[in-house]
Amino acid sequence: MSRSRLKVFFDGGCRPNPGPIEAAAVIRGETYLFEDLGQGTNSDAEWTALIRAFDLAQSLGLNDVELVGDALEVVQDANTALRQGKARSAHEAAFLTLAAKARPARIRWIRREQNLAGIALARLHPR
């Protein structure tokens, strides 16, 4: 019997941009929020979310994870860093350090409205 990969949803943001960074991860239906992560751009927030979600999955002892997010550029850059085995930024270096411990099975882009972590972050800031 085959088992499916465990999806780890991630999303980050800052209000305003640039501004204070926050991030969220959703694993097995449980939401993890990370606030007070310093200052940065939306790109910094998305990278921070990916790194925090991946680190959290590893600390929970989860293997064969599929990292799922709606930041296309971050997903593409993380996949490139994995493929090439080298970092072009501090964010990529932090990600590759985690990947050296346990490589993610996949990093995949989804639409914003499908991202459970993004939905959790949006609930923090009702309109």
N, C-alpha and C. Protein backbone atom coordinates (compact mmCIF):
# COMPACT_ATOMS: atom_id res chain seq x y z
N MET A 1 0.85 -1.17 0.00
CA MET A 1 0.00 0.00 0.00
C MET A 1 0.89 1.23 0.00
N SER A 2 0.63 2.18 -0.91
CA SER A 2 1.44 3.39 -0.95
C SER A 2 0.80 4.48 -0.10
N ARG A 3 1.66 5.32 0.45
CA ARG A 3 1.13 6.43 1.23
C ARG A 3 1.39 7.71 0.47
N SER A 4 0.54 8.68 0.68
CA SER A 4 0.70 9.93 -0.04
C SER A 4 1.60 10.87 0.75
N ARG A 5 2.13 11.82 0.04
CA ARG A 5 2.95 12.84 0.67
C ARG A 5 2.08 13.68 1.59
N LEU A 6 2.71 14.18 2.63
CA LEU A 6 2.02 15.06 3.57
C LEU A 6 2.17 16.50 3.07
N LYS A 7 1.06 17.17 2.84
CA LYS A 7 1.10 18.56 2.37
C LYS A 7 1.35 19.49 3.55
N VAL A 8 2.30 20.39 3.35
CA VAL A 8 2.62 21.42 4.33
C VAL A 8 2.40 22.76 3.61
N PHE A 9 1.30 23.42 3.96
CA PHE A 9 0.96 24.70 3.34
C PHE A 9 1.73 25.82 4.06
N PHE A 10 2.19 26.80 3.28
CA PHE A 10 2.89 27.94 3.88
C PHE A 10 2.46 29.23 3.19
N ASP A 11 2.49 30.32 3.95
CA ASP A 11 2.23 31.64 3.39
C ASP A 11 2.81 32.68 4.33
N GLY A 12 3.27 33.76 3.74
CA GLY A 12 3.81 34.87 4.51
C GLY A 12 3.30 36.18 3.97
N GLY A 13 3.39 37.19 4.79
CA GLY A 13 2.96 38.51 4.36
C GLY A 13 3.52 39.58 5.26
N CYS A 14 3.34 40.80 4.82
CA CYS A 14 3.70 41.94 5.65
C CYS A 14 2.73 43.07 5.32
N ARG A 15 2.40 43.82 6.34
CA ARG A 15 1.47 44.95 6.20
C ARG A 15 2.06 46.12 6.93
N PRO A 16 2.43 47.19 6.27
CA PRO A 16 2.48 47.40 4.82
C PRO A 16 3.68 46.67 4.22
N ASN A 17 3.88 46.84 2.93
CA ASN A 17 5.02 46.20 2.24
C ASN A 17 5.98 47.29 1.80
N PRO A 18 7.20 47.35 2.33
CA PRO A 18 7.75 46.52 3.41
C PRO A 18 7.15 46.88 4.76
N GLY A 19 7.30 45.93 5.68
CA GLY A 19 6.75 46.11 7.02
C GLY A 19 6.99 44.89 7.87
N PRO A 20 6.24 44.77 8.97
CA PRO A 20 6.38 43.63 9.88
C PRO A 20 5.98 42.32 9.18
N ILE A 21 6.82 41.32 9.35
CA ILE A 21 6.59 40.02 8.70
C ILE A 21 5.82 39.08 9.61
N GLU A 22 4.89 38.36 9.00
CA GLU A 22 4.17 37.28 9.68
C GLU A 22 4.08 36.10 8.72
N ALA A 23 3.89 34.92 9.28
CA ALA A 23 3.84 33.72 8.45
C ALA A 23 2.89 32.71 9.09
N ALA A 24 2.46 31.77 8.25
CA ALA A 24 1.59 30.70 8.74
C ALA A 24 1.95 29.41 8.02
N ALA A 25 1.70 28.32 8.70
CA ALA A 25 1.83 26.98 8.13
C ALA A 25 0.61 26.18 8.56
N VAL A 26 0.16 25.31 7.69
CA VAL A 26 -0.92 24.39 8.04
C VAL A 26 -0.44 22.99 7.74
N ILE A 27 -0.46 22.16 8.79
CA ILE A 27 -0.02 20.78 8.69
C ILE A 27 -1.08 19.90 9.34
N ARG A 28 -1.59 18.94 8.56
CA ARG A 28 -2.63 18.02 9.06
C ARG A 28 -3.80 18.78 9.67
N GLY A 29 -4.18 19.88 9.04
CA GLY A 29 -5.33 20.66 9.49
C GLY A 29 -5.06 21.58 10.66
N GLU A 30 -3.88 21.56 11.20
CA GLU A 30 -3.54 22.44 12.33
C GLU A 30 -2.78 23.65 11.82
N THR A 31 -3.21 24.82 12.28
CA THR A 31 -2.59 26.07 11.86
C THR A 31 -1.53 26.51 12.86
N TYR A 32 -0.39 26.92 12.33
CA TYR A 32 0.71 27.45 13.13
C TYR A 32 0.97 28.87 12.64
N LEU A 33 0.87 29.83 13.55
CA LEU A 33 1.10 31.23 13.19
C LEU A 33 2.44 31.69 13.76
N PHE A 34 3.15 32.47 12.98
CA PHE A 34 4.44 33.02 13.39
C PHE A 34 4.35 34.54 13.21
N GLU A 35 4.45 35.26 14.31
CA GLU A 35 4.35 36.71 14.24
C GLU A 35 5.65 37.32 14.78
N ASP A 36 5.78 38.62 14.62
CA ASP A 36 6.97 39.34 15.10
C ASP A 36 8.25 38.75 14.53
N LEU A 37 8.27 38.59 13.22
CA LEU A 37 9.42 37.98 12.55
C LEU A 37 10.36 39.02 11.95
N GLY A 38 10.26 40.24 12.44
CA GLY A 38 11.13 41.30 11.94
C GLY A 38 10.47 42.06 10.81
N GLN A 39 11.28 42.86 10.14
CA GLN A 39 10.81 43.71 9.04
C GLN A 39 11.33 43.17 7.72
N GLY A 40 10.56 43.39 6.67
CA GLY A 40 11.02 42.97 5.36
C GLY A 40 9.96 43.19 4.31
N THR A 41 10.23 42.68 3.14
CA THR A 41 9.31 42.79 2.01
C THR A 41 8.39 41.57 1.99
N ASN A 42 7.44 41.61 1.07
CA ASN A 42 6.56 40.45 0.91
C ASN A 42 7.35 39.22 0.51
N SER A 43 8.37 39.40 -0.33
CA SER A 43 9.22 38.27 -0.72
C SER A 43 9.94 37.69 0.50
N ASP A 44 10.47 38.56 1.36
CA ASP A 44 11.10 38.08 2.59
C ASP A 44 10.11 37.28 3.43
N ALA A 45 8.87 37.77 3.49
CA ALA A 45 7.84 37.09 4.28
C ALA A 45 7.52 35.71 3.71
N GLU A 46 7.43 35.61 2.40
CA GLU A 46 7.14 34.31 1.77
C GLU A 46 8.28 33.32 2.01
N TRP A 47 9.52 33.79 1.86
CA TRP A 47 10.66 32.91 2.14
C TRP A 47 10.68 32.49 3.60
N THR A 48 10.41 33.43 4.49
CA THR A 48 10.38 33.12 5.92
C THR A 48 9.32 32.08 6.20
N ALA A 49 8.17 32.20 5.56
CA ALA A 49 7.09 31.23 5.75
C ALA A 49 7.51 29.84 5.27
N LEU A 50 8.13 29.77 4.11
CA LEU A 50 8.61 28.48 3.59
C LEU A 50 9.61 27.85 4.56
N ILE A 51 10.56 28.62 5.01
CA ILE A 51 11.60 28.12 5.91
C ILE A 51 10.99 27.69 7.25
N ARG A 52 10.10 28.51 7.82
CA ARG A 52 9.46 28.16 9.09
C ARG A 52 8.61 26.90 8.96
N ALA A 53 7.86 26.79 7.88
CA ALA A 53 7.00 25.61 7.68
C ALA A 53 7.84 24.35 7.52
N PHE A 54 8.91 24.44 6.76
CA PHE A 54 9.79 23.29 6.54
C PHE A 54 10.49 22.88 7.85
N ASP A 55 10.96 23.87 8.59
CA ASP A 55 11.60 23.61 9.88
C ASP A 55 10.61 22.97 10.85
N LEU A 56 9.40 23.48 10.87
CA LEU A 56 8.36 22.92 11.74
C LEU A 56 8.07 21.47 11.38
N ALA A 57 7.93 21.19 10.10
CA ALA A 57 7.67 19.81 9.66
C ALA A 57 8.80 18.88 10.12
N GLN A 58 10.03 19.34 9.97
CA GLN A 58 11.17 18.52 10.41
C GLN A 58 11.16 18.33 11.93
N SER A 59 10.84 19.39 12.67
CA SER A 59 10.83 19.27 14.13
C SER A 59 9.71 18.34 14.61
N LEU A 60 8.66 18.21 13.81
CA LEU A 60 7.59 17.27 14.13
C LEU A 60 7.90 15.85 13.67
N GLY A 61 9.08 15.67 13.08
CA GLY A 61 9.51 14.35 12.62
C GLY A 61 8.80 13.88 11.36
N LEU A 62 8.32 14.81 10.56
CA LEU A 62 7.58 14.45 9.35
C LEU A 62 8.53 14.27 8.18
N ASN A 63 8.31 13.22 7.43
CA ASN A 63 9.11 12.93 6.25
C ASN A 63 8.20 12.94 5.03
N ASP A 64 8.80 12.96 3.86
CA ASP A 64 8.06 12.91 2.60
C ASP A 64 7.02 14.03 2.52
N VAL A 65 7.48 15.26 2.82
CA VAL A 65 6.56 16.39 2.81
C VAL A 65 6.57 17.10 1.46
N GLU A 66 5.40 17.62 1.12
CA GLU A 66 5.22 18.43 -0.07
C GLU A 66 4.93 19.85 0.42
N LEU A 67 5.84 20.77 0.17
CA LEU A 67 5.68 22.15 0.57
C LEU A 67 4.82 22.85 -0.47
N VAL A 68 3.73 23.47 -0.03
CA VAL A 68 2.74 24.02 -0.94
C VAL A 68 2.51 25.49 -0.60
N GLY A 69 2.74 26.37 -1.58
CA GLY A 69 2.56 27.80 -1.35
C GLY A 69 2.10 28.53 -2.59
N ASP A 70 1.67 29.78 -2.40
CA ASP A 70 1.13 30.56 -3.52
C ASP A 70 2.08 31.64 -4.04
N ALA A 71 3.31 31.64 -3.57
CA ALA A 71 4.31 32.61 -4.05
C ALA A 71 5.14 31.95 -5.15
N LEU A 72 4.72 32.17 -6.39
CA LEU A 72 5.33 31.48 -7.52
C LEU A 72 6.85 31.67 -7.57
N GLU A 73 7.31 32.89 -7.40
CA GLU A 73 8.75 33.16 -7.48
C GLU A 73 9.53 32.39 -6.41
N VAL A 74 9.01 32.33 -5.20
CA VAL A 74 9.67 31.61 -4.11
C VAL A 74 9.68 30.11 -4.40
N VAL A 75 8.57 29.58 -4.89
CA VAL A 75 8.51 28.15 -5.24
C VAL A 75 9.53 27.84 -6.33
N GLN A 76 9.57 28.67 -7.37
CA GLN A 76 10.53 28.45 -8.45
C GLN A 76 11.97 28.56 -7.95
N ASP A 77 12.27 29.58 -7.16
CA ASP A 77 13.64 29.77 -6.67
C ASP A 77 14.07 28.64 -5.72
N ALA A 78 13.15 28.18 -4.88
CA ALA A 78 13.48 27.07 -3.98
C ALA A 78 13.74 25.79 -4.77
N ASN A 79 12.95 25.53 -5.78
CA ASN A 79 13.18 24.36 -6.63
C ASN A 79 14.51 24.47 -7.37
N THR A 80 14.84 25.65 -7.86
CA THR A 80 16.12 25.86 -8.54
C THR A 80 17.28 25.64 -7.57
N ALA A 81 17.17 26.19 -6.37
CA ALA A 81 18.23 26.01 -5.37
C ALA A 81 18.44 24.53 -5.05
N LEU A 82 17.35 23.78 -4.91
CA LEU A 82 17.46 22.34 -4.66
C LEU A 82 18.14 21.63 -5.81
N ARG A 83 17.71 21.95 -7.02
CA ARG A 83 18.25 21.30 -8.21
C ARG A 83 19.74 21.60 -8.38
N GLN A 84 20.13 22.86 -8.19
CA GLN A 84 21.52 23.27 -8.39
C GLN A 84 22.40 23.03 -7.17
N GLY A 85 21.78 22.92 -6.01
CA GLY A 85 22.54 22.70 -4.79
C GLY A 85 23.35 23.90 -4.34
N LYS A 86 22.94 25.09 -4.79
CA LYS A 86 23.64 26.30 -4.35
C LYS A 86 22.65 27.42 -4.14
N ALA A 87 23.03 28.31 -3.21
CA ALA A 87 22.16 29.41 -2.83
C ALA A 87 22.62 30.71 -3.45
N ARG A 88 21.64 31.50 -3.88
CA ARG A 88 21.93 32.83 -4.41
C ARG A 88 21.52 33.93 -3.44
N SER A 89 20.97 33.54 -2.29
CA SER A 89 20.53 34.50 -1.28
C SER A 89 20.60 33.86 0.10
N ALA A 90 20.48 34.69 1.12
CA ALA A 90 20.47 34.17 2.49
C ALA A 90 19.25 33.27 2.72
N HIS A 91 18.13 33.63 2.12
CA HIS A 91 16.93 32.78 2.27
C HIS A 91 17.17 31.40 1.67
N GLU A 92 17.74 31.38 0.48
CA GLU A 92 18.02 30.09 -0.17
C GLU A 92 19.03 29.29 0.65
N ALA A 93 20.01 29.95 1.23
CA ALA A 93 21.01 29.25 2.05
C ALA A 93 20.34 28.61 3.27
N ALA A 94 19.44 29.34 3.93
CA ALA A 94 18.74 28.78 5.09
C ALA A 94 17.88 27.60 4.67
N PHE A 95 17.23 27.71 3.54
CA PHE A 95 16.40 26.62 3.03
C PHE A 95 17.24 25.39 2.71
N LEU A 96 18.38 25.59 2.04
CA LEU A 96 19.24 24.46 1.69
C LEU A 96 19.84 23.79 2.92
N THR A 97 20.08 24.55 3.97
CA THR A 97 20.57 23.96 5.22
C THR A 97 19.53 22.98 5.77
N LEU A 98 18.26 23.36 5.74
CA LEU A 98 17.21 22.45 6.17
C LEU A 98 17.08 21.25 5.23
N ALA A 99 17.17 21.51 3.93
CA ALA A 99 17.04 20.44 2.94
C ALA A 99 18.16 19.42 3.05
N ALA A 100 19.32 19.85 3.56
CA ALA A 100 20.44 18.91 3.74
C ALA A 100 20.11 17.87 4.81
N LYS A 101 19.24 18.22 5.75
CA LYS A 101 18.81 17.28 6.80
C LYS A 101 17.80 16.29 6.25
N ALA A 102 16.83 16.79 5.51
CA ALA A 102 15.79 15.96 4.91
C ALA A 102 15.18 16.74 3.76
N ARG A 103 15.42 16.28 2.59
CA ARG A 103 14.97 16.97 1.38
C ARG A 103 13.44 16.87 1.25
N PRO A 104 12.78 17.97 0.89
CA PRO A 104 11.34 17.85 0.68
C PRO A 104 11.05 17.00 -0.55
N ALA A 105 9.94 16.28 -0.52
CA ALA A 105 9.58 15.44 -1.67
C ALA A 105 9.24 16.31 -2.87
N ARG A 106 8.65 17.49 -2.59
CA ARG A 106 8.22 18.36 -3.67
C ARG A 106 7.94 19.75 -3.11
N ILE A 107 8.11 20.76 -3.96
CA ILE A 107 7.69 22.13 -3.63
C ILE A 107 6.78 22.55 -4.77
N ARG A 108 5.57 22.94 -4.43
CA ARG A 108 4.56 23.14 -5.46
C ARG A 108 3.80 24.44 -5.25
N TRP A 109 3.47 25.09 -6.37
CA TRP A 109 2.67 26.31 -6.36
C TRP A 109 1.20 25.96 -6.49
N ILE A 110 0.38 26.71 -5.74
CA ILE A 110 -1.08 26.62 -5.88
C ILE A 110 -1.65 28.04 -5.91
N ARG A 111 -2.89 28.14 -6.33
CA ARG A 111 -3.54 29.46 -6.32
C ARG A 111 -3.78 29.92 -4.89
N ARG A 112 -3.81 31.23 -4.72
CA ARG A 112 -3.97 31.82 -3.39
C ARG A 112 -5.21 31.30 -2.67
N GLU A 113 -6.32 31.18 -3.37
CA GLU A 113 -7.56 30.75 -2.71
C GLU A 113 -7.54 29.29 -2.28
N GLN A 114 -6.55 28.52 -2.73
CA GLN A 114 -6.39 27.13 -2.31
C GLN A 114 -5.43 26.96 -1.14
N ASN A 115 -4.72 28.03 -0.81
CA ASN A 115 -3.65 27.94 0.20
C ASN A 115 -4.23 28.07 1.61
N LEU A 116 -4.27 26.96 2.32
CA LEU A 116 -4.84 26.96 3.67
C LEU A 116 -4.08 27.89 4.62
N ALA A 117 -2.77 28.01 4.44
CA ALA A 117 -1.99 28.92 5.28
C ALA A 117 -2.33 30.37 4.96
N GLY A 118 -2.55 30.67 3.70
CA GLY A 118 -2.95 32.01 3.31
C GLY A 118 -4.32 32.38 3.85
N ILE A 119 -5.22 31.42 3.87
CA ILE A 119 -6.55 31.64 4.43
C ILE A 119 -6.43 31.93 5.92
N ALA A 120 -5.55 31.21 6.61
CA ALA A 120 -5.34 31.45 8.05
C ALA A 120 -4.78 32.84 8.29
N LEU A 121 -3.82 33.28 7.47
CA LEU A 121 -3.27 34.63 7.62
C LEU A 121 -4.33 35.69 7.34
N ALA A 122 -5.14 35.48 6.34
CA ALA A 122 -6.19 36.45 5.99
C ALA A 122 -7.18 36.64 7.14
N ARG A 123 -7.41 35.60 7.90
CA ARG A 123 -8.34 35.70 9.04
C ARG A 123 -7.79 36.61 10.13
N LEU A 124 -6.48 36.82 10.15
CA LEU A 124 -5.90 37.74 11.13
C LEU A 124 -6.23 39.19 10.82
N HIS A 125 -6.56 39.46 9.56
CA HIS A 125 -6.79 40.84 9.12
C HIS A 125 -8.12 40.95 8.37
N PRO A 126 -9.23 40.82 9.10
CA PRO A 126 -10.52 40.91 8.41
C PRO A 126 -10.70 42.30 7.79
N ARG A 127 -11.36 42.34 6.66
CA ARG A 127 -11.60 43.62 5.96
C ARG A 127 -12.89 44.23 6.39
